[in-house]
Amino acid sequence: MLAGADAFLAVGPIETFGLAALEALASGTPVICRESAAISEVIDDQCGLELPRNASTWATAIDNILKKDRETLRQASRSRAENFSWTNSVEILVELHEGIGVA
């Protein structure tokens, strides 16, 4: 279902990391989220947008993302999600722990 969507909207005012949004990226679906959401740290201008709480801004952003090349968005979204795989996450945590002498 996510792979067939034009965009994933993460509209909650405060969200933790947002696995659903990351799953959308992995499915090739760009994410539009609130600036206050943690997933905004993952989103870049190639795979989605982070927006303030303003309905007209959201409407314009959705309209603009629908006009972009779908395949380019899909590739960028998938590529971005790959940076947050479990394997990469574990490797980064191990490096951090080794850096502070914990591991």
Protein backbone atom coordinates (compact mmCIF):
# COMPACT_ATOMS: atom_id res chain seq x y z
CA MET A 1 0.00 0.00 0.00
CA LEU A 2 2.80 2.45 0.85
CA ALA A 3 4.56 1.80 -2.44
CA GLY A 4 1.44 2.85 -4.33
CA ALA A 5 0.98 6.11 -2.43
CA ASP A 6 2.00 9.44 -3.95
CA ALA A 7 3.20 10.71 -0.56
CA PHE A 8 3.15 9.80 3.12
CA LEU A 9 1.89 12.58 5.39
CA ALA A 10 3.19 12.55 8.97
CA VAL A 11 0.96 15.27 10.37
CA GLY A 12 1.21 14.60 14.11
CA PRO A 13 2.44 17.57 16.15
CA ILE A 14 5.06 15.55 18.03
CA GLU A 15 6.29 12.16 16.91
CA THR A 16 9.14 9.96 17.93
CA PHE A 17 11.37 8.55 15.22
CA GLY A 18 8.46 7.38 13.08
CA LEU A 19 8.99 3.87 11.76
CA ALA A 20 5.89 4.18 9.57
CA ALA A 21 7.44 7.17 7.80
CA LEU A 22 10.73 5.28 7.41
CA GLU A 23 8.79 2.33 5.97
CA ALA A 24 7.20 4.74 3.50
CA LEU A 25 10.66 5.91 2.40
CA ALA A 26 11.82 2.31 2.07
CA SER A 27 8.78 1.69 -0.14
CA GLY A 28 9.82 4.57 -2.36
CA THR A 29 7.20 6.99 -1.11
CA PRO A 30 8.29 10.54 -0.22
CA VAL A 31 7.42 11.80 3.26
CA ILE A 32 5.95 15.15 4.20
CA CYS A 33 6.17 15.79 7.93
CA ARG A 34 5.92 18.47 10.59
CA GLU A 35 9.11 20.31 11.54
CA SER A 36 8.59 19.13 15.12
CA ALA A 37 8.59 15.43 14.20
CA ALA A 38 11.75 13.42 14.81
CA ILE A 39 11.50 11.97 11.28
CA SER A 40 12.29 15.46 9.99
CA GLU A 41 15.93 14.66 10.84
CA VAL A 42 15.79 11.89 8.22
CA ILE A 43 14.00 13.75 5.44
CA ASP A 44 15.96 15.73 2.89
CA ASP A 45 14.74 17.77 -0.07
CA GLN A 46 15.20 14.80 -2.40
CA CYS A 47 12.81 12.47 -0.57
CA GLY A 48 10.27 14.73 1.09
CA LEU A 49 9.64 17.88 3.03
CA GLU A 50 9.43 19.12 6.60
CA LEU A 51 6.85 21.83 7.08
CA PRO A 52 5.53 24.21 9.73
CA ARG A 53 1.99 23.96 11.06
CA ASN A 54 0.19 25.83 8.30
CA ALA A 55 -2.55 24.31 6.16
CA SER A 56 -1.91 26.41 3.06
CA THR A 57 1.81 25.57 3.17
CA TRP A 58 0.92 21.88 3.33
CA ALA A 59 -1.54 22.18 0.45
CA THR A 60 1.08 23.87 -1.73
CA ALA A 61 3.75 21.33 -0.75
CA ILE A 62 1.49 18.38 -1.56
CA ASP A 63 0.61 19.92 -4.90
CA ASN A 64 4.30 20.50 -5.68
CA ILE A 65 5.39 16.99 -4.74
CA LEU A 66 2.68 15.53 -6.97
CA LYS A 67 4.21 17.44 -9.89
CA LYS A 68 7.71 16.01 -9.37
CA ASP A 69 9.05 13.07 -11.33
CA ARG A 70 7.72 9.97 -9.57
CA GLU A 71 10.67 7.69 -10.35
CA THR A 72 13.22 10.24 -9.12
CA LEU A 73 11.30 10.57 -5.84
CA ARG A 74 11.06 6.78 -5.49
CA GLN A 75 14.79 6.26 -5.96
CA ALA A 76 15.73 9.10 -3.61
CA SER A 77 13.30 7.88 -0.95
CA ARG A 78 14.59 4.31 -1.07
CA SER A 79 18.19 5.49 -1.05
CA ARG A 80 17.61 7.67 2.01
CA ALA A 81 15.90 4.84 3.89
CA GLU A 82 18.90 2.56 3.28
CA ASN A 83 20.96 4.82 5.55
CA PHE A 84 18.71 3.79 8.45
CA SER A 85 18.74 0.01 8.11
CA TRP A 86 19.12 -2.07 11.27
CA THR A 87 22.61 -3.09 10.12
CA ASN A 88 23.73 0.52 9.71
CA SER A 89 22.14 1.50 13.01
CA VAL A 90 23.95 -1.26 14.90
CA GLU A 91 27.28 -0.41 13.24
CA ILE A 92 26.92 3.24 14.24
CA LEU A 93 26.02 2.34 17.83
CA VAL A 94 29.01 -0.01 18.10
CA GLU A 95 31.31 2.72 16.74
CA LEU A 96 29.92 5.22 19.25
CA HIS A 97 30.36 2.81 22.14
CA GLU A 98 33.90 1.95 21.06
CA GLY A 99 34.67 5.65 20.81
CA ILE A 100 33.76 6.23 24.44
CA GLY A 101 35.33 2.99 25.65
CA VAL A 102 32.11 1.12 26.45
CA ALA A 103 32.38 -1.76 23.99
